[in-house]
Amino acid sequence: MDLDVEVLYRDTYLSSLEVAREVLCGLGVARAEGERTVRMFRAHDEALLKRQHAIYHDETALIQSAKQAADELRSLFESDAAEPIE
């Protein structure tokens, strides 16, 4: 990002998302719901990566950001679980 890199590939990221979707489906979650959950996580994760890039030089701020992101993700999934499935 500091080097004007426009496209970033994390080595095992996409395969991990696919595995997560398949595990959810294997646990009985409908495929559409599993895909939606993975998309929601991916959007959260990519936004977090951009936010944390701005503070990567400040370890204290980065640690606080990681804790806050974990809380946000927990809240996101809890509110999602409370919504009726259409």
PDB file of N, CA and C in Angstrom:
ATOM      1  N   MET A   1       0.829  -1.184   0.000  1.00  0.00           N
ATOM      2  CA  MET A   1       0.000   0.000   0.000  1.00  0.00           C
ATOM      3  C   MET A   1       0.875   1.250   0.000  1.00  0.00           C
ATOM      4  N   ASP A   2       1.923   1.220   0.753  1.00  0.00           N
ATOM      5  CA  ASP A   2       2.831   2.361   0.749  1.00  0.00           C
ATOM      6  C   ASP A   2       3.560   2.486  -0.585  1.00  0.00           C
ATOM      7  N   LEU A   3       3.615   1.413  -1.337  1.00  0.00           N
ATOM      8  CA  LEU A   3       4.333   1.388  -2.606  1.00  0.00           C
ATOM      9  C   LEU A   3       3.382   1.525  -3.788  1.00  0.00           C
ATOM     10  N   ASP A   4       2.196   2.056  -3.547  1.00  0.00           N
ATOM     11  CA  ASP A   4       1.162   2.221  -4.565  1.00  0.00           C
ATOM     12  C   ASP A   4       0.711   0.902  -5.176  1.00  0.00           C
ATOM     13  N   VAL A   5       0.722  -0.141  -4.383  1.00  0.00           N
ATOM     14  CA  VAL A   5       0.217  -1.435  -4.833  1.00  0.00           C
ATOM     15  C   VAL A   5      -1.307  -1.345  -4.845  1.00  0.00           C
ATOM     16  N   GLU A   6      -1.894  -1.637  -5.981  1.00  0.00           N
ATOM     17  CA  GLU A   6      -3.348  -1.539  -6.123  1.00  0.00           C
ATOM     18  C   GLU A   6      -4.047  -2.859  -5.831  1.00  0.00           C
ATOM     19  N   VAL A   7      -3.396  -3.970  -6.119  1.00  0.00           N
ATOM     20  CA  VAL A   7      -3.989  -5.283  -5.912  1.00  0.00           C
ATOM     21  C   VAL A   7      -3.123  -6.050  -4.928  1.00  0.00           C
ATOM     22  N   LEU A   8      -3.772  -6.611  -3.926  1.00  0.00           N
ATOM     23  CA  LEU A   8      -3.054  -7.330  -2.883  1.00  0.00           C
ATOM     24  C   LEU A   8      -3.657  -8.726  -2.759  1.00  0.00           C
ATOM     25  N   TYR A   9      -2.811  -9.747  -2.816  1.00  0.00           N
ATOM     26  CA  TYR A   9      -3.258 -11.116  -2.628  1.00  0.00           C
ATOM     27  C   TYR A   9      -2.593 -11.675  -1.386  1.00  0.00           C
ATOM     28  N   ARG A  10      -3.407 -12.104  -0.446  1.00  0.00           N
ATOM     29  CA  ARG A  10      -2.873 -12.764   0.739  1.00  0.00           C
ATOM     30  C   ARG A  10      -2.863 -14.255   0.456  1.00  0.00           C
ATOM     31  N   ASP A  11      -1.761 -14.880   0.725  1.00  0.00           N
ATOM     32  CA  ASP A  11      -1.429 -16.234   0.277  1.00  0.00           C
ATOM     33  C   ASP A  11      -2.566 -17.246   0.417  1.00  0.00           C
ATOM     34  N   THR A  12      -3.121 -17.429   1.578  1.00  0.00           N
ATOM     35  CA  THR A  12      -4.140 -18.466   1.777  1.00  0.00           C
ATOM     36  C   THR A  12      -5.520 -17.884   2.097  1.00  0.00           C
ATOM     37  N   TYR A  13      -5.679 -16.589   1.902  1.00  0.00           N
ATOM     38  CA  TYR A  13      -6.898 -15.904   2.303  1.00  0.00           C
ATOM     39  C   TYR A  13      -8.140 -16.434   1.583  1.00  0.00           C
ATOM     40  N   LEU A  14      -8.109 -16.446   0.254  1.00  0.00           N
ATOM     41  CA  LEU A  14      -9.306 -16.854  -0.493  1.00  0.00           C
ATOM     42  C   LEU A  14      -9.663 -18.313  -0.248  1.00  0.00           C
ATOM     43  N   SER A  15      -8.661 -19.171  -0.159  1.00  0.00           N
ATOM     44  CA  SER A  15      -8.974 -20.574   0.111  1.00  0.00           C
ATOM     45  C   SER A  15      -9.546 -20.726   1.521  1.00  0.00           C
ATOM     46  N   SER A  16      -9.104 -19.920   2.451  1.00  0.00           N
ATOM     47  CA  SER A  16      -9.657 -19.964   3.812  1.00  0.00           C
ATOM     48  C   SER A  16     -11.125 -19.554   3.813  1.00  0.00           C
ATOM     49  N   LEU A  17     -11.465 -18.559   3.020  1.00  0.00           N
ATOM     50  CA  LEU A  17     -12.865 -18.141   2.921  1.00  0.00           C
ATOM     51  C   LEU A  17     -13.720 -19.251   2.320  1.00  0.00           C
ATOM     52  N   GLU A  18     -13.188 -19.922   1.311  1.00  0.00           N
ATOM     53  CA  GLU A  18     -13.922 -21.035   0.707  1.00  0.00           C
ATOM     54  C   GLU A  18     -14.121 -22.178   1.703  1.00  0.00           C
ATOM     55  N   VAL A  19     -13.079 -22.488   2.467  1.00  0.00           N
ATOM     56  CA  VAL A  19     -13.184 -23.544   3.474  1.00  0.00           C
ATOM     57  C   VAL A  19     -14.223 -23.150   4.526  1.00  0.00           C
ATOM     58  N   ALA A  20     -14.200 -21.895   4.947  1.00  0.00           N
ATOM     59  CA  ALA A  20     -15.172 -21.428   5.947  1.00  0.00           C
ATOM     60  C   ALA A  20     -16.597 -21.611   5.433  1.00  0.00           C
ATOM     61  N   ARG A  21     -16.823 -21.245   4.167  1.00  0.00           N
ATOM     62  CA  ARG A  21     -18.159 -21.411   3.580  1.00  0.00           C
ATOM     63  C   ARG A  21     -18.571 -22.874   3.568  1.00  0.00           C
ATOM     64  N   GLU A  22     -17.664 -23.743   3.177  1.00  0.00           N
ATOM     65  CA  GLU A  22     -17.977 -25.170   3.115  1.00  0.00           C
ATOM     66  C   GLU A  22     -18.221 -25.758   4.509  1.00  0.00           C
ATOM     67  N   VAL A  23     -17.481 -25.300   5.496  1.00  0.00           N
ATOM     68  CA  VAL A  23     -17.706 -25.767   6.871  1.00  0.00           C
ATOM     69  C   VAL A  23     -19.087 -25.338   7.344  1.00  0.00           C
ATOM     70  N   LEU A  24     -19.446 -24.073   7.079  1.00  0.00           N
ATOM     71  CA  LEU A  24     -20.779 -23.606   7.467  1.00  0.00           C
ATOM     72  C   LEU A  24     -21.866 -24.473   6.815  1.00  0.00           C
ATOM     73  N   CYS A  25     -21.701 -24.734   5.531  1.00  0.00           N
ATOM     74  CA  CYS A  25     -22.683 -25.563   4.824  1.00  0.00           C
ATOM     75  C   CYS A  25     -22.702 -26.983   5.396  1.00  0.00           C
ATOM     76  N   GLY A  26     -21.534 -27.504   5.717  1.00  0.00           N
ATOM     77  CA  GLY A  26     -21.452 -28.833   6.315  1.00  0.00           C
ATOM     78  C   GLY A  26     -22.117 -28.910   7.673  1.00  0.00           C
ATOM     79  N   LEU A  27     -22.193 -27.784   8.342  1.00  0.00           N
ATOM     80  CA  LEU A  27     -22.857 -27.723   9.648  1.00  0.00           C
ATOM     81  C   LEU A  27     -24.359 -27.477   9.522  1.00  0.00           C
ATOM     82  N   GLY A  28     -24.831 -27.416   8.275  1.00  0.00           N
ATOM     83  CA  GLY A  28     -26.270 -27.277   8.070  1.00  0.00           C
ATOM     84  C   GLY A  28     -26.736 -25.887   7.693  1.00  0.00           C
ATOM     85  N   VAL A  29     -25.831 -24.946   7.558  1.00  0.00           N
ATOM     86  CA  VAL A  29     -26.215 -23.601   7.136  1.00  0.00           C
ATOM     87  C   VAL A  29     -26.513 -23.649   5.640  1.00  0.00           C
ATOM     88  N   ALA A  30     -27.582 -23.007   5.228  1.00  0.00           N
ATOM     89  CA  ALA A  30     -27.929 -22.959   3.804  1.00  0.00           C
ATOM     90  C   ALA A  30     -26.793 -22.316   3.020  1.00  0.00           C
ATOM     91  N   ARG A  31     -26.564 -22.801   1.799  1.00  0.00           N
ATOM     92  CA  ARG A  31     -25.446 -22.298   0.989  1.00  0.00           C
ATOM     93  C   ARG A  31     -25.507 -20.780   0.820  1.00  0.00           C
ATOM     94  N   ALA A  32     -26.681 -20.236   0.528  1.00  0.00           N
ATOM     95  CA  ALA A  32     -26.812 -18.787   0.344  1.00  0.00           C
ATOM     96  C   ALA A  32     -26.441 -18.042   1.614  1.00  0.00           C
ATOM     97  N   GLU A  33     -26.843 -18.579   2.755  1.00  0.00           N
ATOM     98  CA  GLU A  33     -26.513 -17.951   4.041  1.00  0.00           C
ATOM     99  C   GLU A  33     -25.010 -18.050   4.312  1.00  0.00           C
ATOM    100  N   GLY A  34     -24.404 -19.180   3.997  1.00  0.00           N
ATOM    101  CA  GLY A  34     -22.958 -19.332   4.176  1.00  0.00           C
ATOM    102  C   GLY A  34     -22.184 -18.367   3.302  1.00  0.00           C
ATOM    103  N   GLU A  35     -22.629 -18.210   2.078  1.00  0.00           N
ATOM    104  CA  GLU A  35     -21.973 -17.276   1.162  1.00  0.00           C
ATOM    105  C   GLU A  35     -22.124 -15.844   1.645  1.00  0.00           C
ATOM    106  N   ARG A  36     -23.298 -15.511   2.148  1.00  0.00           N
ATOM    107  CA  ARG A  36     -23.534 -14.154   2.668  1.00  0.00           C
ATOM    108  C   ARG A  36     -22.660 -13.887   3.882  1.00  0.00           C
ATOM    109  N   THR A  37     -22.532 -14.874   4.749  1.00  0.00           N
ATOM    110  CA  THR A  37     -21.699 -14.723   5.937  1.00  0.00           C
ATOM    111  C   THR A  37     -20.246 -14.505   5.558  1.00  0.00           C
ATOM    112  N   VAL A  38     -19.767 -15.258   4.595  1.00  0.00           N
ATOM    113  CA  VAL A  38     -18.377 -15.108   4.146  1.00  0.00           C
ATOM    114  C   VAL A  38     -18.183 -13.740   3.490  1.00  0.00           C
ATOM    115  N   ARG A  39     -19.143 -13.284   2.698  1.00  0.00           N
ATOM    116  CA  ARG A  39     -19.037 -11.946   2.081  1.00  0.00           C
ATOM    117  C   ARG A  39     -18.995 -10.865   3.149  1.00  0.00           C
ATOM    118  N   MET A  40     -19.823 -11.019   4.177  1.00  0.00           N
ATOM    119  CA  MET A  40     -19.863 -10.041   5.259  1.00  0.00           C
ATOM    120  C   MET A  40     -18.513  -9.998   5.977  1.00  0.00           C
ATOM    121  N   PHE A  41     -17.954 -11.172   6.272  1.00  0.00           N
ATOM    122  CA  PHE A  41     -16.655 -11.222   6.924  1.00  0.00           C
ATOM    123  C   PHE A  41     -15.583 -10.597   6.033  1.00  0.00           C
ATOM    124  N   ARG A  42     -15.600 -10.934   4.766  1.00  0.00           N
ATOM    125  CA  ARG A  42     -14.575 -10.411   3.848  1.00  0.00           C
ATOM    126  C   ARG A  42     -14.627  -8.888   3.768  1.00  0.00           C
ATOM    127  N   ALA A  43     -15.827  -8.320   3.679  1.00  0.00           N
ATOM    128  CA  ALA A  43     -15.958  -6.863   3.634  1.00  0.00           C
ATOM    129  C   ALA A  43     -15.405  -6.235   4.910  1.00  0.00           C
ATOM    130  N   HIS A  44     -15.734  -6.827   6.051  1.00  0.00           N
ATOM    131  CA  HIS A  44     -15.227  -6.327   7.329  1.00  0.00           C
ATOM    132  C   HIS A  44     -13.705  -6.419   7.367  1.00  0.00           C
ATOM    133  N   ASP A  45     -13.162  -7.541   6.951  1.00  0.00           N
ATOM    134  CA  ASP A  45     -11.729  -7.775   7.007  1.00  0.00           C
ATOM    135  C   ASP A  45     -10.965  -6.834   6.080  1.00  0.00           C
ATOM    136  N   GLU A  46     -11.472  -6.616   4.878  1.00  0.00           N
ATOM    137  CA  GLU A  46     -10.788  -5.734   3.941  1.00  0.00           C
ATOM    138  C   GLU A  46     -10.829  -4.284   4.406  1.00  0.00           C
ATOM    139  N   ALA A  47     -11.942  -3.867   5.006  1.00  0.00           N
ATOM    140  CA  ALA A  47     -12.021  -2.518   5.557  1.00  0.00           C
ATOM    141  C   ALA A  47     -11.047  -2.367   6.727  1.00  0.00           C
ATOM    142  N   LEU A  48     -10.942  -3.398   7.542  1.00  0.00           N
ATOM    143  CA  LEU A  48     -10.012  -3.375   8.670  1.00  0.00           C
ATOM    144  C   LEU A  48      -8.566  -3.256   8.188  1.00  0.00           C
ATOM    145  N   LEU A  49      -8.226  -3.992   7.164  1.00  0.00           N
ATOM    146  CA  LEU A  49      -6.871  -3.933   6.616  1.00  0.00           C
ATOM    147  C   LEU A  49      -6.522  -2.506   6.199  1.00  0.00           C
ATOM    148  N   LYS A  50      -7.440  -1.828   5.544  1.00  0.00           N
ATOM    149  CA  LYS A  50      -7.203  -0.444   5.125  1.00  0.00           C
ATOM    150  C   LYS A  50      -7.089   0.496   6.325  1.00  0.00           C
ATOM    151  N   ARG A  51      -7.964   0.313   7.314  1.00  0.00           N
ATOM    152  CA  ARG A  51      -7.899   1.171   8.516  1.00  0.00           C
ATOM    153  C   ARG A  51      -6.589   0.964   9.256  1.00  0.00           C
ATOM    154  N   GLN A  52      -6.185  -0.300   9.398  1.00  0.00           N
ATOM    155  CA  GLN A  52      -4.973  -0.578  10.171  1.00  0.00           C
ATOM    156  C   GLN A  52      -3.712  -0.165   9.427  1.00  0.00           C
ATOM    157  N   HIS A  53      -3.767  -0.115   8.132  1.00  0.00           N
ATOM    158  CA  HIS A  53      -2.596   0.342   7.385  1.00  0.00           C
ATOM    159  C   HIS A  53      -2.225   1.764   7.787  1.00  0.00           C
ATOM    160  N   ALA A  54      -3.230   2.574   8.052  1.00  0.00           N
ATOM    161  CA  ALA A  54      -2.984   3.967   8.417  1.00  0.00           C
ATOM    162  C   ALA A  54      -2.268   4.103   9.760  1.00  0.00           C
ATOM    163  N   ILE A  55      -2.318   3.065  10.593  1.00  0.00           N
ATOM    164  CA  ILE A  55      -1.728   3.159  11.936  1.00  0.00           C
ATOM    165  C   ILE A  55      -0.702   2.072  12.210  1.00  0.00           C
ATOM    166  N   TYR A  56      -0.237   1.376  11.179  1.00  0.00           N
ATOM    167  CA  TYR A  56       0.641   0.225  11.412  1.00  0.00           C
ATOM    168  C   TYR A  56       1.944   0.603  12.111  1.00  0.00           C
ATOM    169  N   HIS A  57       2.336   1.841  12.042  1.00  0.00           N
ATOM    170  CA  HIS A  57       3.574   2.287  12.685  1.00  0.00           C
ATOM    171  C   HIS A  57       3.406   2.533  14.185  1.00  0.00           C
ATOM    172  N   ASP A  58       2.169   2.541  14.675  1.00  0.00           N
ATOM    173  CA  ASP A  58       1.874   2.816  16.086  1.00  0.00           C
ATOM    174  C   ASP A  58       1.342   1.535  16.733  1.00  0.00           C
ATOM    175  N   GLU A  59       2.223   0.817  17.432  1.00  0.00           N
ATOM    176  CA  GLU A  59       1.859  -0.494  17.972  1.00  0.00           C
ATOM    177  C   GLU A  59       0.676  -0.415  18.933  1.00  0.00           C
ATOM    178  N   THR A  60       0.645   0.586  19.786  1.00  0.00           N
ATOM    179  CA  THR A  60      -0.450   0.720  20.750  1.00  0.00           C
ATOM    180  C   THR A  60      -1.782   0.923  20.025  1.00  0.00           C
ATOM    181  N   ALA A  61      -1.783   1.793  19.038  1.00  0.00           N
ATOM    182  CA  ALA A  61      -3.008   2.037  18.278  1.00  0.00           C
ATOM    183  C   ALA A  61      -3.415   0.800  17.487  1.00  0.00           C
ATOM    184  N   LEU A  62      -2.439   0.069  16.979  1.00  0.00           N
ATOM    185  CA  LEU A  62      -2.729  -1.141  16.215  1.00  0.00           C
ATOM    186  C   LEU A  62      -3.360  -2.222  17.100  1.00  0.00           C
ATOM    187  N   ILE A  63      -2.833  -2.377  18.311  1.00  0.00           N
ATOM    188  CA  ILE A  63      -3.407  -3.341  19.258  1.00  0.00           C
ATOM    189  C   ILE A  63      -4.833  -2.947  19.612  1.00  0.00           C
ATOM    190  N   GLN A  64      -5.054  -1.668  19.881  1.00  0.00           N
ATOM    191  CA  GLN A  64      -6.397  -1.193  20.208  1.00  0.00           C
ATOM    192  C   GLN A  64      -7.346  -1.407  19.032  1.00  0.00           C
ATOM    193  N   SER A  65      -6.850  -1.153  17.836  1.00  0.00           N
ATOM    194  CA  SER A  65      -7.657  -1.356  16.636  1.00  0.00           C
ATOM    195  C   SER A  65      -8.048  -2.822  16.474  1.00  0.00           C
ATOM    196  N   ALA A  66      -7.123  -3.720  16.735  1.00  0.00           N
ATOM    197  CA  ALA A  66      -7.411  -5.157  16.619  1.00  0.00           C
ATOM    198  C   ALA A  66      -8.474  -5.580  17.631  1.00  0.00           C
ATOM    199  N   LYS A  67      -8.380  -5.072  18.853  1.00  0.00           N
ATOM    200  CA  LYS A  67      -9.388  -5.390  19.872  1.00  0.00           C
ATOM    201  C   LYS A  67     -10.754  -4.844  19.472  1.00  0.00           C
ATOM    202  N   GLN A  68     -10.766  -3.623  18.979  1.00  0.00           N
ATOM    203  CA  GLN A  68     -12.022  -3.008  18.556  1.00  0.00           C
ATOM    204  C   GLN A  68     -12.618  -3.767  17.370  1.00  0.00           C
ATOM    205  N   ALA A  69     -11.777  -4.178  16.437  1.00  0.00           N
ATOM    206  CA  ALA A  69     -12.247  -4.917  15.267  1.00  0.00           C
ATOM    207  C   ALA A  69     -12.864  -6.257  15.675  1.00  0.00           C
ATOM    208  N   ALA A  70     -12.262  -6.918  16.655  1.00  0.00           N
ATOM    209  CA  ALA A  70     -12.819  -8.190  17.136  1.00  0.00           C
ATOM    210  C   ALA A  70     -14.202  -7.962  17.743  1.00  0.00           C
ATOM    211  N   ASP A  71     -14.346  -6.880  18.509  1.00  0.00           N
ATOM    212  CA  ASP A  71     -15.650  -6.550  19.097  1.00  0.00           C
ATOM    213  C   ASP A  71     -16.673  -6.230  18.003  1.00  0.00           C
ATOM    214  N   GLU A  72     -16.243  -5.470  16.993  1.00  0.00           N
ATOM    215  CA  GLU A  72     -17.139  -5.128  15.886  1.00  0.00           C
ATOM    216  C   GLU A  72     -17.599  -6.382  15.148  1.00  0.00           C
ATOM    217  N   LEU A  73     -16.665  -7.284  14.899  1.00  0.00           N
ATOM    218  CA  LEU A  73     -17.011  -8.514  14.181  1.00  0.00           C
ATOM    219  C   LEU A  73     -17.969  -9.370  15.001  1.00  0.00           C
ATOM    220  N   ARG A  74     -17.731  -9.464  16.289  1.00  0.00           N
ATOM    221  CA  ARG A  74     -18.628 -10.215  17.172  1.00  0.00           C
ATOM    222  C   ARG A  74     -20.033  -9.602  17.117  1.00  0.00           C
ATOM    223  N   SER A  75     -20.118  -8.280  17.211  1.00  0.00           N
ATOM    224  CA  SER A  75     -21.421  -7.601  17.158  1.00  0.00           C
ATOM    225  C   SER A  75     -22.094  -7.803  15.802  1.00  0.00           C
ATOM    226  N   LEU A  76     -21.306  -7.753  14.749  1.00  0.00           N
ATOM    227  CA  LEU A  76     -21.834  -7.943  13.410  1.00  0.00           C
ATOM    228  C   LEU A  76     -22.462  -9.318  13.266  1.00  0.00           C
ATOM    229  N   PHE A  77     -21.761 -10.350  13.716  1.00  0.00           N
ATOM    230  CA  PHE A  77     -22.291 -11.710  13.602  1.00  0.00           C
ATOM    231  C   PHE A  77     -23.459 -11.937  14.567  1.00  0.00           C
ATOM    232  N   GLU A  78     -23.422 -11.341  15.749  1.00  0.00           N
ATOM    233  CA  GLU A  78     -24.546 -11.482  16.682  1.00  0.00           C
ATOM    234  C   GLU A  78     -25.805 -10.841  16.121  1.00  0.00           C
ATOM    235  N   SER A  79     -25.659  -9.642  15.547  1.00  0.00           N
ATOM    236  CA  SER A  79     -26.851  -8.983  14.984  1.00  0.00           C
ATOM    237  C   SER A  79     -27.345  -9.739  13.755  1.00  0.00           C
ATOM    238  N   ASP A  80     -26.417 -10.296  12.997  1.00  0.00           N
ATOM    239  CA  ASP A  80     -26.797 -11.091  11.832  1.00  0.00           C
ATOM    240  C   ASP A  80     -27.556 -12.338  12.260  1.00  0.00           C
ATOM    241  N   ALA A  81     -27.104 -12.975  13.326  1.00  0.00           N
ATOM    242  CA  ALA A  81     -27.760 -14.201  13.814  1.00  0.00           C
ATOM    243  C   ALA A  81     -29.161 -13.901  14.333  1.00  0.00           C
ATOM    244  N   ALA A  82     -29.382 -12.682  14.814  1.00  0.00           N
ATOM    245  CA  ALA A  82     -30.681 -12.318  15.347  1.00  0.00           C
ATOM    246  C   ALA A  82     -31.694 -11.988  14.248  1.00  0.00           C
ATOM    247  N   GLU A  83     -31.216 -11.703  13.046  1.00  0.00           N
ATOM    248  CA  GLU A  83     -32.110 -11.376  11.936  1.00  0.00           C
ATOM    249  C   GLU A  83     -32.761 -12.640  11.381  1.00  0.00           C
ATOM    250  N   PRO A  84     -34.019 -12.536  11.014  1.00  0.00           N
ATOM    251  CA  PRO A  84     -34.679 -13.707  10.419  1.00  0.00           C
ATOM    252  C   PRO A  84     -34.083 -13.998   9.046  1.00  0.00           C
ATOM    253  N   ILE A  85     -33.973 -15.270   8.711  1.00  0.00           N
ATOM    254  CA  ILE A  85     -33.457 -15.687   7.407  1.00  0.00           C
ATOM    255  C   ILE A  85     -34.605 -15.608   6.403  1.00  0.00           C
ATOM    256  N   GLU A  86     -34.350 -14.960   5.290  1.00  0.00           N
ATOM    257  CA  GLU A  86     -35.395 -14.787   4.267  1.00  0.00           C
ATOM    258  C   GLU A  86     -35.387 -15.924   3.292  1.00  0.00           C
TER     259      GLU A  86
END
